[in-house]
Protein backbone atom coordinates (compact mmCIF):
# COMPACT_ATOMS: atom_id res chain seq x y z
CA UNK A 1 73.12 105.98 44.52
CA UNK A 2 72.51 103.60 47.17
CA UNK A 3 75.84 104.15 48.42
CA UNK A 4 75.58 107.46 48.96
CA UNK A 5 71.92 106.68 50.83
CA UNK A 6 73.71 104.08 52.94
CA UNK A 7 76.52 106.84 53.86
CA UNK A 8 74.02 109.35 54.88
CA UNK A 9 72.01 107.01 56.79
CA UNK A 10 75.32 105.84 58.79
CA UNK A 11 76.28 109.36 59.56
CA UNK A 12 73.01 110.12 60.73
CA UNK A 13 72.71 107.02 62.96
CA UNK A 14 76.28 108.11 64.53
CA UNK A 15 75.09 111.42 65.32
CA UNK A 16 72.37 109.99 67.07
CA UNK A 17 74.48 107.50 69.36
CA UNK A 18 76.60 110.51 70.12
CA UNK A 19 73.66 113.03 71.11
CA UNK A 20 72.58 110.20 73.15
CA UNK A 21 76.12 109.51 74.93
CA UNK A 22 76.08 113.40 75.59
CA UNK A 23 72.74 113.36 76.97
CA UNK A 24 73.40 110.26 78.82
CA UNK A 25 76.13 111.80 80.78
CA UNK A 26 74.90 115.49 81.56
CA UNK A 27 74.61 114.63 85.07
CA UNK A 28 75.05 117.16 87.63
CA UNK A 29 77.97 116.64 89.93
CA UNK A 30 75.58 115.75 93.02
CA UNK A 31 74.35 113.13 91.09
CA UNK A 32 77.76 111.83 89.83
CA UNK A 33 79.09 111.73 93.55
CA UNK A 34 75.74 110.01 94.70
CA UNK A 35 76.23 107.23 92.27
CA UNK A 36 79.85 106.23 91.36
CA UNK A 37 80.71 105.36 87.59
CA UNK A 38 81.67 101.51 87.39
CA UNK A 39 83.85 100.92 84.45
CA UNK A 40 84.38 97.57 83.09
CA UNK A 41 88.23 98.25 82.65
CA UNK A 42 88.81 98.83 86.57
CA UNK A 43 91.48 96.38 87.94
CA UNK A 44 90.19 93.77 90.46
CA UNK A 45 92.03 93.83 94.12
CA UNK A 46 93.81 90.95 96.14
CA UNK A 47 94.68 92.27 99.36
CA UNK A 48 96.51 89.78 101.64
CA UNK A 49 97.16 90.28 105.01
CA UNK A 50 99.74 88.16 107.10
CA UNK A 51 100.08 88.66 110.96
CA UNK A 52 103.21 88.51 112.50
CA UNK A 53 105.49 88.08 110.06
CA UNK A 54 109.09 89.49 110.50
CA UNK A 55 111.93 90.20 108.33
CA UNK A 56 113.70 87.39 108.73
CA UNK A 57 112.80 85.52 105.57
CA UNK A 58 114.03 85.18 102.47
CA UNK A 59 112.18 87.90 100.77
CA UNK A 60 114.57 90.01 102.27
CA UNK A 61 117.72 88.17 101.96
CA UNK A 62 118.21 84.54 100.98
CA UNK A 63 120.61 83.90 103.87
CA UNK A 64 118.04 84.43 105.97
CA UNK A 65 116.45 80.77 108.01
CA UNK A 66 112.91 81.39 107.02
CA UNK A 67 111.87 80.22 103.43
CA UNK A 68 109.25 81.88 101.68
CA UNK A 69 109.46 81.41 98.09
CA UNK A 70 106.23 82.81 97.33
CA UNK A 71 106.62 86.01 98.68
CA UNK A 72 109.52 86.23 96.79
CA UNK A 73 107.75 85.02 93.46
CA UNK A 74 105.26 87.81 93.77
CA UNK A 75 107.76 90.59 94.36
CA UNK A 76 108.99 89.73 91.11
CA UNK A 77 105.73 90.71 89.71
CA UNK A 78 105.87 94.17 91.52
CA UNK A 79 107.29 96.50 93.85
CA UNK A 80 109.05 95.02 97.33
CA UNK A 81 109.20 97.60 99.91
CA UNK A 82 112.45 96.54 101.90
CA UNK A 83 111.97 99.09 104.34
CA UNK A 84 107.97 99.42 105.29
CA UNK A 85 107.01 99.62 108.45
CA UNK A 86 103.32 98.91 110.72
CA UNK A 87 101.63 101.85 111.91
CA UNK A 88 101.25 100.22 115.39
CA UNK A 89 103.29 96.40 116.93
CA UNK A 90 99.90 95.23 117.75
CA UNK A 91 97.01 93.74 115.50
CA UNK A 92 94.24 95.67 116.15
CA UNK A 93 95.93 99.55 115.99
CA UNK A 94 97.77 98.61 113.03
CA UNK A 95 94.74 96.84 111.21
CA UNK A 96 92.40 99.62 111.96
CA UNK A 97 94.88 102.06 110.83
CA UNK A 98 95.50 100.35 107.71
CA UNK A 99 91.82 99.99 106.75
CA UNK A 100 90.74 103.49 107.96
CA UNK A 101 93.47 105.21 106.87
CA UNK A 102 93.59 107.09 110.49
CA UNK A 103 96.62 107.27 112.82
CA UNK A 104 96.45 105.73 116.37
CA UNK A 105 96.98 109.37 117.34
CA UNK A 106 93.87 110.19 115.41
CA UNK A 107 91.49 107.68 116.17
CA UNK A 108 92.62 106.81 119.85
CA UNK A 109 92.93 103.15 119.00
CA UNK A 110 95.80 102.31 120.64
CA UNK A 111 95.45 98.58 122.13
CA UNK A 112 94.47 95.45 120.93
CA UNK A 113 90.90 95.76 123.07
CA UNK A 114 90.16 99.22 121.98
CA UNK A 115 86.60 99.13 119.74
CA UNK A 116 87.74 100.94 116.68
CA UNK A 117 83.93 101.11 115.51
CA UNK A 118 83.26 102.69 118.97
CA UNK A 119 86.17 105.36 118.97
CA UNK A 120 85.51 106.10 115.25
CA UNK A 121 82.19 105.20 114.25
CA UNK A 122 82.12 107.53 110.99
CA UNK A 123 85.17 106.13 109.56
CA UNK A 124 84.75 105.05 105.92
CA UNK A 125 86.84 101.44 105.80
CA UNK A 126 88.29 100.76 103.02
CA UNK A 127 86.42 98.03 101.71
CA UNK A 128 83.67 100.28 102.37
CA UNK A 129 84.95 102.75 100.27
CA UNK A 130 85.55 100.47 97.32
CA UNK A 131 81.78 99.15 97.93
CA UNK A 132 80.43 102.51 97.82
CA UNK A 133 82.48 103.01 94.66
CA UNK A 134 81.00 100.07 92.51
CA UNK A 135 83.00 97.23 93.71
CA UNK A 136 82.17 93.85 94.72
CA UNK A 137 83.93 93.49 98.13
CA UNK A 138 84.79 89.99 99.76
CA UNK A 139 86.77 89.01 102.53
CA UNK A 140 87.99 85.99 104.69
CA UNK A 141 90.00 85.38 107.66
CA UNK A 142 91.75 87.74 109.86
CA UNK A 143 91.63 91.26 108.06
CA UNK A 144 90.49 93.42 111.08
CA UNK A 145 90.92 92.60 114.36
CA UNK A 146 88.89 90.07 115.81
CA UNK A 147 87.11 89.91 119.14
CA UNK A 148 84.96 92.78 120.19
CA UNK A 149 87.47 95.10 118.86
CA UNK A 150 86.75 94.20 115.41
CA UNK A 151 83.21 93.53 115.13
CA UNK A 152 81.53 96.21 112.87
CA UNK A 153 79.67 94.34 110.38
CA UNK A 154 76.18 93.65 112.25
CA UNK A 155 75.62 97.34 111.90
CA UNK A 156 77.88 98.68 109.90
CA UNK A 157 79.01 96.38 107.17
CA UNK A 158 82.49 96.97 105.65
CA UNK A 159 82.39 93.73 103.29
CA UNK A 160 79.23 92.84 101.45
CA UNK A 161 80.49 89.00 102.25
CA UNK A 162 82.93 87.79 104.52
CA UNK A 163 83.82 84.78 105.90
CA UNK A 164 84.94 84.66 109.72
CA UNK A 165 88.27 83.60 110.86
CA UNK A 166 87.38 80.02 112.66
CA UNK A 167 88.72 79.27 115.70
CA UNK A 168 92.16 77.47 116.21
CA UNK A 169 91.22 73.66 116.60
CA UNK A 170 93.00 72.79 119.71
CA UNK A 171 95.55 70.26 119.76
CA UNK A 172 94.52 67.42 122.49
CA UNK A 173 97.66 68.77 124.34
CA UNK A 174 99.74 72.05 123.96
CA UNK A 175 103.26 70.74 121.99
CA UNK A 176 105.05 73.83 123.96
CA UNK A 177 104.34 71.22 127.18
CA UNK A 178 103.55 74.38 129.98
CA UNK A 179 100.91 72.73 132.15
CA UNK A 180 100.25 75.68 133.92
CA UNK A 181 99.95 79.59 133.68
CA UNK A 182 99.64 81.79 131.09
CA UNK A 183 101.32 79.68 128.38
CA UNK A 184 99.32 76.58 129.18
CA UNK A 185 96.53 78.43 127.20
CA UNK A 186 96.10 77.17 123.22
CA UNK A 187 96.64 80.61 121.95
CA UNK A 188 100.18 80.24 123.27
CA UNK A 189 101.08 77.34 122.12
CA UNK A 190 103.48 76.03 119.41
CA UNK A 191 104.61 73.13 117.16
CA UNK A 192 102.85 70.64 114.76
CA UNK A 193 99.13 70.93 114.14
CA UNK A 194 97.72 67.86 113.49
CA UNK A 195 94.25 69.03 112.38
CA UNK A 196 93.53 71.31 109.67
CA UNK A 197 95.04 74.44 110.34
CA UNK A 198 92.48 77.08 109.81
CA UNK A 199 94.30 79.31 107.44
CA UNK A 200 93.56 76.39 104.94
CA UNK A 201 89.81 76.96 105.47
CA UNK A 202 90.29 81.06 104.80
CA UNK A 203 92.27 79.72 101.57
CA UNK A 204 89.59 77.47 100.12
CA UNK A 205 86.91 80.57 100.78
CA UNK A 206 88.84 82.72 99.10
CA UNK A 207 89.64 80.37 96.07
CA UNK A 208 85.81 79.69 96.02
CA UNK A 209 85.16 83.18 95.71
CA UNK A 210 87.44 84.12 92.66
CA UNK A 211 85.82 81.37 90.84
CA UNK A 212 82.19 82.94 91.04
CA UNK A 213 81.77 85.01 88.47
CA UNK A 214 81.18 88.86 88.89
CA UNK A 215 79.61 91.63 87.12
CA UNK A 216 81.77 94.48 89.32
CA UNK A 217 85.28 94.70 89.60
CA UNK A 218 86.19 92.66 92.71
CA UNK A 219 88.26 93.60 96.26
CA UNK A 220 88.85 90.57 97.58
CA UNK A 221 90.87 90.55 100.95
CA UNK A 222 92.34 87.12 102.53
CA UNK A 223 93.76 87.17 105.61
CA UNK A 224 96.10 84.70 106.80
CA UNK A 225 96.48 84.23 110.85
CA UNK A 226 99.76 82.63 110.65
CA UNK A 227 102.49 83.08 111.87
CA UNK A 228 100.62 84.41 114.70
CA UNK A 229 100.84 82.35 117.83
CA UNK A 230 99.75 79.81 118.32
CA UNK A 231 102.94 78.83 115.82
CA UNK A 232 101.28 75.65 114.20
CA UNK A 233 102.30 74.54 110.83
CA UNK A 234 101.78 70.57 109.56
CA UNK A 235 104.52 67.76 109.67
CA UNK A 236 105.99 68.49 106.93
CA UNK A 237 107.09 71.88 107.13
CA UNK A 238 108.01 71.64 110.64
CA UNK A 239 110.64 69.05 109.53
CA UNK A 240 112.08 71.56 107.22
CA UNK A 241 113.39 73.35 109.95
CA UNK A 242 115.61 70.48 111.71
CA UNK A 243 117.20 71.74 115.57
CA UNK A 244 120.47 70.60 114.06
CA UNK A 245 120.67 73.34 111.66
CA UNK A 246 118.51 75.91 113.19
CA UNK A 247 119.44 79.65 113.26
CA UNK A 248 119.18 81.63 116.49
CA UNK A 249 118.51 85.00 116.55
CA UNK A 250 121.22 87.48 117.47
CA UNK A 251 121.58 87.81 121.03
CA UNK A 252 123.12 90.23 123.57
CA UNK A 253 123.13 89.85 126.86
CA UNK A 254 121.98 92.78 128.89
CA UNK A 255 120.66 94.03 126.20
CA UNK A 256 118.19 96.24 127.92
CA UNK A 257 120.20 98.08 130.29
CA UNK A 258 120.59 101.22 128.21
CA UNK A 259 116.56 101.50 127.62
CA UNK A 260 114.11 103.09 130.29
CA UNK A 261 111.53 101.39 132.13
CA UNK A 262 108.63 101.99 129.61
CA UNK A 263 110.97 100.40 127.16
CA UNK A 264 111.58 97.31 129.36
CA UNK A 265 107.72 97.17 130.08
CA UNK A 266 106.90 96.68 126.20
CA UNK A 267 109.56 93.73 126.29
CA UNK A 268 107.44 92.33 128.86
CA UNK A 269 109.89 89.56 129.56
CA UNK A 270 108.97 88.28 132.84
CA UNK A 271 105.42 88.42 132.62
CA UNK A 272 104.82 86.66 129.11
CA UNK A 273 107.09 84.20 127.27
CA UNK A 274 110.75 85.15 127.16
CA UNK A 275 111.80 84.15 131.10
CA UNK A 276 109.96 80.93 130.63
CA UNK A 277 111.54 79.58 126.89
CA UNK A 278 115.50 80.87 128.21
CA UNK A 279 117.95 78.06 129.77
CA UNK A 280 115.96 75.02 128.64
CA UNK A 281 117.82 72.58 126.49
CA UNK A 282 117.64 72.99 122.71
CA UNK A 283 115.17 70.10 122.05
CA UNK A 284 112.81 70.76 125.39
CA UNK A 285 109.07 71.61 123.60
CA UNK A 286 109.58 74.85 125.88
CA UNK A 287 112.54 76.03 124.97
CA UNK A 288 113.57 79.28 123.24
CA UNK A 289 114.72 76.90 120.07
CA UNK A 290 111.79 75.24 119.82
CA UNK A 291 109.82 78.67 120.18
CA UNK A 292 111.76 80.00 116.77
CA UNK A 293 111.95 76.59 114.88
CA UNK A 294 108.05 76.34 115.16
CA UNK A 295 107.96 80.32 114.28
CA UNK A 296 110.04 79.42 111.41
CA UNK A 297 107.77 76.82 109.92
CA UNK A 298 104.73 78.79 110.86
CA UNK A 299 105.66 81.51 108.62
CA UNK A 300 106.76 78.91 105.91
CA UNK A 301 103.04 77.88 106.24
CA UNK A 302 101.90 81.13 105.55
CA UNK A 303 103.62 81.69 102.80
CA UNK A 304 102.50 78.40 101.08
CA UNK A 305 99.15 80.14 101.55
CA UNK A 306 100.37 83.12 99.84
CA UNK A 307 101.38 80.57 97.11
CA UNK A 308 97.55 78.79 97.04
CA UNK A 309 96.21 82.09 96.08
CA UNK A 310 98.81 83.53 93.49
CA UNK A 311 98.14 79.82 91.73
CA UNK A 312 94.49 80.42 92.01
CA UNK A 313 94.72 83.78 90.20
CA UNK A 314 96.63 82.57 87.61
CA UNK A 315 94.52 79.29 86.97
CA UNK A 316 91.55 81.77 86.35
CA UNK A 317 93.13 84.27 83.99
CA UNK A 318 92.98 87.14 86.31
CA UNK A 319 96.46 88.02 87.54
CA UNK A 320 97.10 90.49 84.67
CA UNK A 321 93.78 92.84 85.80
CA UNK A 322 94.37 92.57 89.84
CA UNK A 323 96.29 94.91 91.75
CA UNK A 324 97.57 92.70 94.55
CA UNK A 325 98.82 93.93 97.78
CA UNK A 326 100.61 91.84 100.33
CA UNK A 327 101.60 92.99 104.02
CA UNK A 328 102.28 91.75 107.56
CA UNK A 329 100.22 93.91 110.01
CA UNK A 330 103.79 94.19 111.93
CA UNK A 331 106.72 91.99 113.08
CA UNK A 332 108.08 89.97 116.40
CA UNK A 333 110.63 89.04 118.74
CA UNK A 334 111.96 85.99 118.95
CA UNK A 335 114.93 86.54 121.84
CA UNK A 336 116.41 89.44 120.49
CA UNK A 337 116.28 92.41 122.50
CA UNK A 338 115.47 90.09 125.27
CA UNK A 339 112.28 89.94 124.06
CA UNK A 340 109.81 87.09 122.53
CA UNK A 341 106.88 89.58 122.10
CA UNK A 342 105.45 92.04 119.71
CA UNK A 343 104.39 95.21 121.05
CA UNK A 344 107.93 96.91 120.91
CA UNK A 345 109.26 99.71 119.19
CA UNK A 346 112.42 98.31 117.97
CA UNK A 347 113.16 97.25 114.57
CA UNK A 348 112.05 93.68 114.63
CA UNK A 349 108.36 94.28 115.66
CA UNK A 350 108.05 96.67 113.61
CA UNK A 351 109.90 95.94 110.04
CA UNK A 352 107.54 94.03 107.56
CA UNK A 353 106.88 92.22 104.19
CA UNK A 354 104.99 95.06 102.03
CA UNK A 355 104.77 93.82 98.31
CA UNK A 356 102.56 95.82 95.66
CA UNK A 357 101.87 94.55 92.20
CA UNK A 358 99.90 97.18 90.05
CA UNK A 359 99.45 95.90 86.42
CA UNK A 360 100.86 98.74 84.16
CA UNK A 361 102.01 100.62 86.94
CA UNK A 362 105.02 98.68 88.97
CA UNK A 363 107.93 97.30 86.82
CA UNK A 364 108.67 93.22 87.55
CA UNK A 365 111.21 92.68 89.91
CA UNK A 366 111.37 96.44 91.95
CA UNK A 367 113.01 96.75 94.96
CA UNK A 368 112.27 100.14 96.79
CA UNK A 369 114.23 101.05 99.62
CA UNK A 370 112.57 104.49 100.69
CA UNK A 371 111.13 103.95 104.55
CA UNK A 372 107.15 103.81 104.28
CA UNK A 373 104.44 103.22 106.68
CA UNK A 374 101.09 100.70 105.99
CA UNK A 375 99.54 103.68 106.65
CA UNK A 376 99.94 104.23 103.20
CA UNK A 377 98.29 101.63 101.95
CA UNK A 378 94.77 103.38 101.51
CA UNK A 379 95.77 105.92 99.89
CA UNK A 380 97.78 104.23 97.20
CA UNK A 381 95.14 101.91 96.74
CA UNK A 382 92.63 104.60 95.89
CA UNK A 383 95.10 106.12 93.82
CA UNK A 384 95.69 102.99 91.66
CA UNK A 385 91.94 102.60 91.25
CA UNK A 386 91.35 105.45 90.09
CA UNK A 387 88.38 106.02 92.96
CA UNK A 388 88.01 109.90 94.09
CA UNK A 389 90.63 111.02 96.43
CA UNK A 390 89.93 110.15 100.34
CA UNK A 391 90.69 114.01 101.49
CA UNK A 392 90.22 112.93 105.76
CA UNK A 393 92.50 109.85 106.06
CA UNK A 394 96.00 110.58 107.42
CA UNK A 395 98.48 108.27 105.15
CA UNK A 396 99.96 109.53 101.75
CA UNK A 397 100.10 107.74 98.14
CA UNK A 398 103.10 105.34 97.55
CA UNK A 399 101.92 106.28 93.29
CA UNK A 400 105.79 108.27 92.84
CA UNK A 401 107.29 105.45 94.37
CA UNK A 402 105.56 102.42 92.49
CA UNK A 403 106.37 104.18 89.24
CA UNK A 404 109.74 105.07 90.39
CA UNK A 405 111.58 103.36 93.15
CA UNK A 406 114.02 106.25 93.08
CA UNK A 407 112.00 109.35 93.25
CA UNK A 408 112.46 111.67 96.21
CA UNK A 409 110.32 110.47 99.44
CA UNK A 410 111.18 112.95 101.89
CA UNK A 411 108.88 111.19 104.77
CA UNK A 412 110.09 108.90 107.75
CA UNK A 413 107.96 105.86 108.55
CA UNK A 414 105.85 106.51 112.05
CA UNK A 415 105.02 103.60 114.56
CA UNK A 416 102.96 104.63 117.35
CA UNK A 417 102.55 102.05 120.77
CA UNK A 418 100.36 103.18 122.96
CA UNK A 419 99.73 107.05 123.46
CA UNK A 420 102.94 109.02 123.62
CA UNK A 421 105.02 106.29 122.90
CA UNK A 422 106.23 107.03 118.88
CA UNK A 423 109.05 105.67 116.94
CA UNK A 424 110.62 107.45 113.94
CA UNK A 425 112.44 105.28 111.33
CA UNK A 426 114.55 106.96 108.26
CA UNK A 427 116.62 105.25 106.06
CA UNK A 428 119.52 104.66 108.51
CA UNK A 429 118.14 105.93 111.79
CA UNK A 430 115.75 104.80 114.31
CA UNK A 431 114.68 106.97 116.75
CA UNK A 432 112.19 106.30 120.01
CA UNK A 433 110.71 108.77 122.61
CA UNK A 434 108.57 107.42 124.95
CA UNK A 435 105.79 109.26 126.68
CA UNK A 436 107.69 109.71 129.85
CA UNK A 437 110.32 111.99 127.80
CA UNK A 438 113.02 108.77 127.50
CA UNK A 439 115.07 108.50 124.33
CA UNK A 440 116.02 106.09 122.02
CA UNK A 441 118.67 106.40 118.76
CA UNK A 442 119.81 103.39 116.37
CA UNK A 443 122.52 103.79 113.80
CA UNK A 444 121.37 100.76 111.00
CA UNK A 445 123.98 101.74 109.17
CA UNK A 446 126.49 99.97 112.10
CA UNK A 447 124.02 98.83 114.33
CA UNK A 448 121.55 96.52 112.94
CA UNK A 449 120.64 94.79 116.08
CA UNK A 450 120.15 97.84 117.66
CA UNK A 451 122.14 96.81 120.69
CA UNK A 452 123.81 100.41 121.14
CA UNK A 453 121.51 103.39 122.49
CA UNK A 454 123.20 106.37 121.25
CA UNK A 455 120.65 109.18 122.31
CA UNK A 456 122.80 109.85 125.16
CA UNK A 457 125.81 111.45 123.25
CA UNK A 458 125.48 114.94 122.57
CA UNK A 459 127.01 114.56 119.00
CA UNK A 460 123.71 113.09 118.02
CA UNK A 461 121.55 116.09 119.23
CA UNK A 462 120.86 117.33 115.64
CA UNK A 463 119.77 113.57 114.91
CA UNK A 464 117.77 113.39 117.06
CA UNK A 465 115.89 116.90 116.68
CA UNK A 466 115.71 116.13 112.95
CA UNK A 467 113.70 113.35 113.90
CA UNK A 468 111.68 114.21 116.84
CA UNK A 469 110.26 116.76 114.68
CA UNK A 470 107.88 114.03 112.78
CA UNK A 471 106.14 112.68 116.38
CA UNK A 472 102.51 113.59 116.16
CA UNK A 473 101.53 117.10 117.63
CA UNK A 474 98.30 116.18 119.17
CA UNK A 475 97.26 112.84 120.48
CA UNK A 476 93.89 111.93 121.25
CA UNK A 477 93.24 110.57 124.72
CA UNK A 478 93.37 106.80 125.57
CA UNK A 479 90.37 105.19 126.79
CA UNK A 480 91.99 102.61 128.17
CA UNK A 481 90.28 100.18 130.05
CA UNK A 482 92.49 97.99 132.11
CA UNK A 483 89.84 95.14 132.77
CA UNK A 484 90.45 94.34 129.01
CA UNK A 485 93.55 95.58 128.05
CA UNK A 486 95.90 93.14 130.10
CA UNK A 487 98.62 93.85 128.84
CA UNK A 488 98.64 97.94 128.71
CA UNK A 489 98.35 99.28 132.35
CA UNK A 490 98.49 103.04 133.32
CA UNK A 491 100.77 101.39 136.10
CA UNK A 492 103.42 100.30 133.46
CA UNK A 493 103.04 103.37 130.93
CA UNK A 494 102.58 106.73 131.44
CA UNK A 495 99.11 107.45 128.75
CA UNK A 496 100.01 111.75 129.33
CA UNK A 497 102.55 112.40 126.49
CA UNK A 498 105.09 114.02 127.32
CA UNK A 499 104.59 117.17 124.98
CA UNK A 500 101.05 117.43 127.23
CA UNK A 501 103.68 118.17 130.60
């Protein structure tokens, strides 16, 4: 008797609980949209942004000179996209595109000094969207571009909490030995740094943030500034790349003879670094060799910072419930293509490391060879975290490739540098079309260094037409302020796209 009564009581209690749950969940669609549901089962996100790291690392090829064991360690946990490309080979337009999901032709953010928040005041940034979706959002270092172009937090905060990238602790003298002109400025320095490197401050802050408990799922962003100039590292790392065994980039004399004036202006060799470092003895502080040595060491140092973040994630036991996305905002030329800059539409300035670790989705140690764009990070993270689909962005989710890296992917990568200048990268080809109508075409199967421009050969007309179809049909104007954009002037580039002529 008592046993039967007990069962009946339990049944009534269970029914009451179910009824309460049904009533509690009976919100209108409007209420649901206004108050996102936060589930304790949501995965955390760790976004790691590296600055100016190109593809000359052991992540891409064990024979490459730059040692990146921690990037390789991260890739072993998930999917490495070995044909990933930036949206623009400059910090501000690249990061704006990644963090808003909007292409430069949509926003008008073409240069480093363009104020993205002024140009797209209503854009909901990636961290903002995660805040609205119930995440705790924190970040440190260089995530948005610094300076006036990146300051949006005062009136429209993207993160709930943010630790700004510190100013570089300048050495007493420039290691590169220049005493006059542009290269005498600390920002254009390279060599051993005898003070605390600012990336260490960033990583220490992120490590401390990881230690703090959170009732919400976490979106945590770490912006590592190296190897961005100044190319600084500590002495131990610098010594790992001795002059005696230093590997230099492949170089071709008169490489730019078959490209247009706009392409040469992008290389900016006379104004910027290239012509200053060529011809000096290898061990000269201002030589191309020392420049390359310092970049290699700075990239190695950035990899060490990634290692610290992974170590901390493992130590707190959150690796298995954290999505990790690592990327570099663009690449860098180190004398190849007669260039020591980013800012070009050639491979070395655009090909970047890009790794996604998604527990339960990605197969450890997977390599995807499809050409993809960093513009796809925003919709991919929304998809992975099962947030409401963001319809008003330009990127495309990579979920299908994360589940099956060999699945069909019919879209090449698009890169833009200034209004009207675009590159299209498919599996085999790089096609470039500039705002004056000039073109370049490179066959990466036979010419990975892009030494032979095939655009003038009629036999490649069909390939050019196929790639040209991916160039944006419309582009918003470039509200260029030549007083600020010292490297972008109307005299250098025609800012009226050829499709408007």
